[in-house]
Amino acid sequence: MDDHVLFAKSLKIAFEDYVQINQFSIITDIGNVISVIENVKPDITLIDINLSNISNEDGLELAKNIMNRGCKTRIVMLTGYDLPVYRHEAKKIGVNGFINKNIMPDELLEILIDINNGIYYFPKTLEYIEELTDSEKQILQLLANGYKRKDIASIVFASERTVSNHIQHIFDKLDVSSSLEAVTKGLKLGYIQTDYAE
């Protein structure tokens, strides 16, 4: 499932040359995804993080829903949003792999064959993430949006002292010493939401 039809169709064309692949289907109607998976019974389901053109939920939420329904398919995130926070979240919810879209078809096929044989594929990253809490993520996002501590306190219904404590925890976890550094690192790690753009 990919909101960029051209990419999905290009991948389908590329995979037609491989005898290892019996069938490659493109799903653009997210509302029917569970029934399609239950009927087609794919060995592997590829999902992008960004589904904004075809769904209100992102690929990680969709992956979680598919797994919660007990569908017998291995789920792989195939995305251009290759950020540590997304890899971390994908691993945490139990998907089988996380692959950057910027990959050659031959290499992708090899990885998918390994995943189909029971291997979990998550590229190693040098960035260690001590996960931010939901409150810390919200406050970091508000810092990125230009809000001052006093404004943040009124938005999250907390005292300025509580907000300051959260900000200090964010600094400690991200190993930074200023709001600017926190926002910069938050963007790099994927904690801060920006308008999706390829």
C-alpha atoms as a PDB file:
ATOM      1  CA  MET A   1       0.000   0.000   0.000  1.00  0.00           C
ATOM      2  CA  ASP A   2       1.523   3.223  -1.163  1.00  0.00           C
ATOM      3  CA  ASP A   3      -0.101   6.594  -1.762  1.00  0.00           C
ATOM      4  CA  HIS A   4       2.166   7.193  -4.745  1.00  0.00           C
ATOM      5  CA  VAL A   5       0.662   5.102  -7.532  1.00  0.00           C
ATOM      6  CA  LEU A   6       3.643   5.614  -9.845  1.00  0.00           C
ATOM      7  CA  PHE A   7       6.048   4.079  -7.320  1.00  0.00           C
ATOM      8  CA  ALA A   8       3.741   1.125  -6.664  1.00  0.00           C
ATOM      9  CA  LYS A   9       3.220   0.466 -10.383  1.00  0.00           C
ATOM     10  CA  SER A  10       6.960   0.771 -11.076  1.00  0.00           C
ATOM     11  CA  LEU A  11       7.645  -1.789  -8.360  1.00  0.00           C
ATOM     12  CA  LYS A  12       5.009  -4.110  -9.808  1.00  0.00           C
ATOM     13  CA  ILE A  13       6.601  -3.862 -13.274  1.00  0.00           C
ATOM     14  CA  ALA A  14      10.087  -4.459 -11.843  1.00  0.00           C
ATOM     15  CA  PHE A  15       8.904  -7.542  -9.937  1.00  0.00           C
ATOM     16  CA  GLU A  16       7.186  -9.094 -12.981  1.00  0.00           C
ATOM     17  CA  ASP A  17      10.609 -10.308 -14.154  1.00  0.00           C
ATOM     18  CA  TYR A  18      11.236 -12.361 -11.012  1.00  0.00           C
ATOM     19  CA  VAL A  19      10.060 -15.984 -10.917  1.00  0.00           C
ATOM     20  CA  GLN A  20      10.132 -15.861  -7.096  1.00  0.00           C
ATOM     21  CA  ILE A  21       7.064 -13.589  -7.103  1.00  0.00           C
ATOM     22  CA  ASN A  22       3.771 -15.246  -8.049  1.00  0.00           C
ATOM     23  CA  GLN A  23       1.535 -12.213  -7.652  1.00  0.00           C
ATOM     24  CA  PHE A  24       1.911  -8.521  -6.848  1.00  0.00           C
ATOM     25  CA  SER A  25      -1.249  -6.558  -6.062  1.00  0.00           C
ATOM     26  CA  ILE A  26      -1.623  -2.838  -5.408  1.00  0.00           C
ATOM     27  CA  ILE A  27      -4.229  -1.774  -2.852  1.00  0.00           C
ATOM     28  CA  THR A  28      -5.373   1.837  -3.055  1.00  0.00           C
ATOM     29  CA  ASP A  29      -8.654   1.486  -1.129  1.00  0.00           C
ATOM     30  CA  ILE A  30      -7.547   1.301   2.490  1.00  0.00           C
ATOM     31  CA  GLY A  31     -11.138   0.671   3.587  1.00  0.00           C
ATOM     32  CA  ASN A  32     -10.997  -2.803   1.997  1.00  0.00           C
ATOM     33  CA  VAL A  33      -7.464  -3.715   3.040  1.00  0.00           C
ATOM     34  CA  ILE A  34      -8.423  -6.341   5.643  1.00  0.00           C
ATOM     35  CA  SER A  35     -10.821  -8.177   3.331  1.00  0.00           C
ATOM     36  CA  VAL A  36      -8.300  -8.042   0.458  1.00  0.00           C
ATOM     37  CA  ILE A  37      -5.560  -9.507   2.666  1.00  0.00           C
ATOM     38  CA  GLU A  38      -7.924 -12.202   3.966  1.00  0.00           C
ATOM     39  CA  ASN A  39      -8.957 -13.127   0.384  1.00  0.00           C
ATOM     40  CA  VAL A  40      -5.610 -12.847  -1.419  1.00  0.00           C
ATOM     41  CA  LYS A  41      -3.553 -14.162   1.549  1.00  0.00           C
ATOM     42  CA  PRO A  42      -0.281 -12.453   0.570  1.00  0.00           C
ATOM     43  CA  ASP A  43       2.933 -13.779   2.110  1.00  0.00           C
ATOM     44  CA  ILE A  44       4.121 -10.189   2.552  1.00  0.00           C
ATOM     45  CA  THR A  45       2.268  -6.871   2.706  1.00  0.00           C
ATOM     46  CA  LEU A  46       4.322  -3.754   1.883  1.00  0.00           C
ATOM     47  CA  ILE A  47       3.108  -0.521   3.500  1.00  0.00           C
ATOM     48  CA  ASP A  48       4.402   3.046   3.239  1.00  0.00           C
ATOM     49  CA  ILE A  49       4.507   5.309   6.314  1.00  0.00           C
ATOM     50  CA  ASN A  50       2.891   8.158   4.388  1.00  0.00           C
ATOM     51  CA  LEU A  51      -0.602   7.241   3.189  1.00  0.00           C
ATOM     52  CA  SER A  52      -1.915  10.812   3.280  1.00  0.00           C
ATOM     53  CA  ASN A  53      -3.321  10.713  -0.259  1.00  0.00           C
ATOM     54  CA  ILE A  54      -5.418   7.605   0.400  1.00  0.00           C
ATOM     55  CA  SER A  55      -5.993   7.386   4.157  1.00  0.00           C
ATOM     56  CA  ASN A  56      -6.399   9.397   7.354  1.00  0.00           C
ATOM     57  CA  GLU A  57      -4.122   6.995   9.209  1.00  0.00           C
ATOM     58  CA  ASP A  58      -0.429   6.492   8.628  1.00  0.00           C
ATOM     59  CA  GLY A  59       1.192   3.215   7.616  1.00  0.00           C
ATOM     60  CA  LEU A  60       2.198   2.294  11.169  1.00  0.00           C
ATOM     61  CA  GLU A  61      -1.407   2.618  12.375  1.00  0.00           C
ATOM     62  CA  LEU A  62      -2.571   0.543   9.415  1.00  0.00           C
ATOM     63  CA  ALA A  63       0.054  -2.124  10.122  1.00  0.00           C
ATOM     64  CA  LYS A  64      -1.099  -2.289  13.748  1.00  0.00           C
ATOM     65  CA  ASN A  65      -4.741  -2.688  12.657  1.00  0.00           C
ATOM     66  CA  ILE A  66      -3.830  -5.498  10.241  1.00  0.00           C
ATOM     67  CA  MET A  67      -1.909  -7.340  12.962  1.00  0.00           C
ATOM     68  CA  ASN A  68      -4.668  -6.797  15.517  1.00  0.00           C
ATOM     69  CA  ARG A  69      -7.132  -8.438  13.110  1.00  0.00           C
ATOM     70  CA  GLY A  70      -4.905 -11.538  13.043  1.00  0.00           C
ATOM     71  CA  CYS A  71      -4.216 -11.432   9.287  1.00  0.00           C
ATOM     72  CA  LYS A  72      -1.654 -14.071   8.293  1.00  0.00           C
ATOM     73  CA  THR A  73       0.786 -11.874   6.392  1.00  0.00           C
ATOM     74  CA  ARG A  74       4.247 -10.561   7.112  1.00  0.00           C
ATOM     75  CA  ILE A  75       4.223  -6.767   7.215  1.00  0.00           C
ATOM     76  CA  VAL A  76       7.097  -4.698   5.860  1.00  0.00           C
ATOM     77  CA  MET A  77       7.326  -0.915   5.953  1.00  0.00           C
ATOM     78  CA  LEU A  78       8.707   0.255   2.573  1.00  0.00           C
ATOM     79  CA  THR A  79       9.059   3.999   2.901  1.00  0.00           C
ATOM     80  CA  GLY A  80      10.917   7.177   2.103  1.00  0.00           C
ATOM     81  CA  TYR A  81      10.409   8.238   5.733  1.00  0.00           C
ATOM     82  CA  ASP A  82      13.454   6.370   6.982  1.00  0.00           C
ATOM     83  CA  LEU A  83      13.799   8.051  10.364  1.00  0.00           C
ATOM     84  CA  PRO A  84      14.929   6.403  13.614  1.00  0.00           C
ATOM     85  CA  VAL A  85      11.655   7.114  15.421  1.00  0.00           C
ATOM     86  CA  TYR A  86       9.662   5.340  12.677  1.00  0.00           C
ATOM     87  CA  ARG A  87      12.019   2.336  12.641  1.00  0.00           C
ATOM     88  CA  HIS A  88      11.776   2.177  16.417  1.00  0.00           C
ATOM     89  CA  GLU A  89       7.970   2.340  16.362  1.00  0.00           C
ATOM     90  CA  ALA A  90       7.747  -0.268  13.582  1.00  0.00           C
ATOM     91  CA  LYS A  91       9.934  -2.673  15.550  1.00  0.00           C
ATOM     92  CA  LYS A  92       7.935  -1.977  18.723  1.00  0.00           C
ATOM     93  CA  ILE A  93       4.580  -2.850  17.113  1.00  0.00           C
ATOM     94  CA  GLY A  94       6.029  -6.065  15.677  1.00  0.00           C
ATOM     95  CA  VAL A  95       6.293  -5.591  11.914  1.00  0.00           C
ATOM     96  CA  ASN A  96       8.706  -7.900  10.096  1.00  0.00           C
ATOM     97  CA  GLY A  97      10.880  -5.330   8.364  1.00  0.00           C
ATOM     98  CA  PHE A  98      11.656  -1.704   7.641  1.00  0.00           C
ATOM     99  CA  ILE A  99      13.148  -0.831   4.232  1.00  0.00           C
ATOM    100  CA  ASN A 100      14.037   2.492   2.630  1.00  0.00           C
ATOM    101  CA  LYS A 101      12.353   3.007  -0.764  1.00  0.00           C
ATOM    102  CA  ASN A 102      15.704   4.071  -2.185  1.00  0.00           C
ATOM    103  CA  ILE A 103      16.721   0.471  -2.933  1.00  0.00           C
ATOM    104  CA  MET A 104      17.373  -1.533  -6.069  1.00  0.00           C
ATOM    105  CA  PRO A 105      14.735  -4.177  -6.954  1.00  0.00           C
ATOM    106  CA  ASP A 106      17.297  -7.032  -6.764  1.00  0.00           C
ATOM    107  CA  GLU A 107      18.309  -6.062  -3.234  1.00  0.00           C
ATOM    108  CA  LEU A 108      14.690  -5.535  -2.181  1.00  0.00           C
ATOM    109  CA  LEU A 109      13.758  -8.992  -3.460  1.00  0.00           C
ATOM    110  CA  GLU A 110      16.611 -10.626  -1.509  1.00  0.00           C
ATOM    111  CA  ILE A 111      15.487  -8.909   1.694  1.00  0.00           C
ATOM    112  CA  LEU A 112      11.841  -9.880   1.113  1.00  0.00           C
ATOM    113  CA  ILE A 113      12.842 -13.515   0.539  1.00  0.00           C
ATOM    114  CA  ASP A 114      14.758 -13.458   3.851  1.00  0.00           C
ATOM    115  CA  ILE A 115      11.743 -11.902   5.603  1.00  0.00           C
ATOM    116  CA  ASN A 116       9.453 -14.540   4.078  1.00  0.00           C
ATOM    117  CA  ASN A 117      11.815 -17.169   5.533  1.00  0.00           C
ATOM    118  CA  GLY A 118      11.324 -15.736   9.023  1.00  0.00           C
ATOM    119  CA  ILE A 119      14.110 -13.137   9.274  1.00  0.00           C
ATOM    120  CA  TYR A 120      13.333  -9.716  10.749  1.00  0.00           C
ATOM    121  CA  TYR A 121      14.970  -6.891   8.801  1.00  0.00           C
ATOM    122  CA  PHE A 122      15.757  -3.594  10.515  1.00  0.00           C
ATOM    123  CA  PRO A 123      18.859  -1.718   9.340  1.00  0.00           C
ATOM    124  CA  LYS A 124      21.177  -0.787  12.145  1.00  0.00           C
ATOM    125  CA  THR A 125      21.251   2.860  13.091  1.00  0.00           C
ATOM    126  CA  LEU A 126      23.894   4.797  14.971  1.00  0.00           C
ATOM    127  CA  GLU A 127      21.210   6.947  16.592  1.00  0.00           C
ATOM    128  CA  TYR A 128      20.159   5.633  19.971  1.00  0.00           C
ATOM    129  CA  ILE A 129      16.698   6.770  20.924  1.00  0.00           C
ATOM    130  CA  GLU A 130      15.488   6.944  24.466  1.00  0.00           C
ATOM    131  CA  GLU A 131      11.832   7.129  23.646  1.00  0.00           C
ATOM    132  CA  LEU A 132      10.004  10.355  24.425  1.00  0.00           C
ATOM    133  CA  THR A 133       6.689  10.138  26.241  1.00  0.00           C
ATOM    134  CA  ASP A 134       3.520  11.390  24.528  1.00  0.00           C
ATOM    135  CA  SER A 135       3.646  14.561  26.662  1.00  0.00           C
ATOM    136  CA  GLU A 136       7.276  15.150  25.729  1.00  0.00           C
ATOM    137  CA  LYS A 137       6.500  14.637  22.029  1.00  0.00           C
ATOM    138  CA  GLN A 138       3.645  17.143  22.256  1.00  0.00           C
ATOM    139  CA  ILE A 139       5.825  19.721  24.006  1.00  0.00           C
ATOM    140  CA  LEU A 140       8.678  19.215  21.521  1.00  0.00           C
ATOM    141  CA  GLN A 141       6.217  19.733  18.673  1.00  0.00           C
ATOM    142  CA  LEU A 142       4.949  22.947  20.308  1.00  0.00           C
ATOM    143  CA  LEU A 143       8.546  24.164  20.718  1.00  0.00           C
ATOM    144  CA  ALA A 144       9.068  23.463  17.013  1.00  0.00           C
ATOM    145  CA  ASN A 145       5.934  25.471  16.242  1.00  0.00           C
ATOM    146  CA  GLY A 146       7.480  28.465  18.017  1.00  0.00           C
ATOM    147  CA  TYR A 147       5.535  28.468  21.292  1.00  0.00           C
ATOM    148  CA  LYS A 148       7.162  29.786  24.497  1.00  0.00           C
ATOM    149  CA  ARG A 149       7.013  27.870  27.797  1.00  0.00           C
ATOM    150  CA  LYS A 150       4.209  30.050  29.170  1.00  0.00           C
ATOM    151  CA  ASP A 151       2.064  29.422  26.052  1.00  0.00           C
ATOM    152  CA  ILE A 152       2.863  25.707  26.118  1.00  0.00           C
ATOM    153  CA  ALA A 153       1.775  25.540  29.760  1.00  0.00           C
ATOM    154  CA  SER A 154      -1.667  26.936  28.902  1.00  0.00           C
ATOM    155  CA  ILE A 155      -2.034  24.674  25.843  1.00  0.00           C
ATOM    156  CA  VAL A 156      -1.210  21.457  27.747  1.00  0.00           C
ATOM    157  CA  PHE A 157      -2.999  22.607  30.956  1.00  0.00           C
ATOM    158  CA  ALA A 158       0.119  22.343  33.107  1.00  0.00           C
ATOM    159  CA  SER A 159       2.210  24.691  35.210  1.00  0.00           C
ATOM    160  CA  GLU A 160       5.276  26.352  33.722  1.00  0.00           C
ATOM    161  CA  ARG A 161       7.386  24.358  36.174  1.00  0.00           C
ATOM    162  CA  THR A 162       5.927  21.073  34.857  1.00  0.00           C
ATOM    163  CA  VAL A 163       6.589  22.180  31.280  1.00  0.00           C
ATOM    164  CA  SER A 164      10.156  23.120  32.218  1.00  0.00           C
ATOM    165  CA  ASN A 165      10.638  19.675  33.759  1.00  0.00           C
ATOM    166  CA  HIS A 166       9.371  18.037  30.567  1.00  0.00           C
ATOM    167  CA  ILE A 167      11.683  20.181  28.466  1.00  0.00           C
ATOM    168  CA  GLN A 168      14.654  19.227  30.653  1.00  0.00           C
ATOM    169  CA  HIS A 169      13.757  15.529  30.223  1.00  0.00           C
ATOM    170  CA  ILE A 170      13.601  16.079  26.452  1.00  0.00           C
ATOM    171  CA  PHE A 171      17.052  17.719  26.552  1.00  0.00           C
ATOM    172  CA  ASP A 172      18.449  14.809  28.582  1.00  0.00           C
ATOM    173  CA  LYS A 173      16.947  12.128  26.341  1.00  0.00           C
ATOM    174  CA  LEU A 174      18.032  13.819  23.108  1.00  0.00           C
ATOM    175  CA  ASP A 175      21.421  14.784  24.600  1.00  0.00           C
ATOM    176  CA  VAL A 176      21.015  18.473  23.748  1.00  0.00           C
ATOM    177  CA  SER A 177      21.258  21.717  25.721  1.00  0.00           C
ATOM    178  CA  SER A 178      18.851  24.119  24.018  1.00  0.00           C
ATOM    179  CA  SER A 179      15.382  24.231  22.494  1.00  0.00           C
ATOM    180  CA  LEU A 180      16.901  24.875  19.056  1.00  0.00           C
ATOM    181  CA  GLU A 181      19.101  21.771  19.338  1.00  0.00           C
ATOM    182  CA  ALA A 182      16.108  19.759  20.598  1.00  0.00           C
ATOM    183  CA  VAL A 183      13.971  20.842  17.642  1.00  0.00           C
ATOM    184  CA  THR A 184      16.802  20.152  15.164  1.00  0.00           C
ATOM    185  CA  LYS A 185      17.380  16.670  16.585  1.00  0.00           C
ATOM    186  CA  GLY A 186      13.646  16.052  16.894  1.00  0.00           C
ATOM    187  CA  LEU A 187      13.251  16.760  13.167  1.00  0.00           C
ATOM    188  CA  LYS A 188      16.171  14.467  12.317  1.00  0.00           C
ATOM    189  CA  LEU A 189      14.773  11.632  14.421  1.00  0.00           C
ATOM    190  CA  GLY A 190      11.205  12.035  13.164  1.00  0.00           C
ATOM    191  CA  TYR A 191       9.610  13.189  16.424  1.00  0.00           C
ATOM    192  CA  ILE A 192       8.452  16.476  14.930  1.00  0.00           C
ATOM    193  CA  GLN A 193       5.689  16.333  12.344  1.00  0.00           C
ATOM    194  CA  THR A 194       6.073  18.512   9.307  1.00  0.00           C
ATOM    195  CA  ASP A 195       3.888  18.585   6.229  1.00  0.00           C
ATOM    196  CA  TYR A 196       4.600  15.404   4.331  1.00  0.00           C
ATOM    197  CA  ALA A 197       6.774  16.022   1.313  1.00  0.00           C
ATOM    198  CA  GLU A 198       8.725  13.656  -0.891  1.00  0.00           C
END
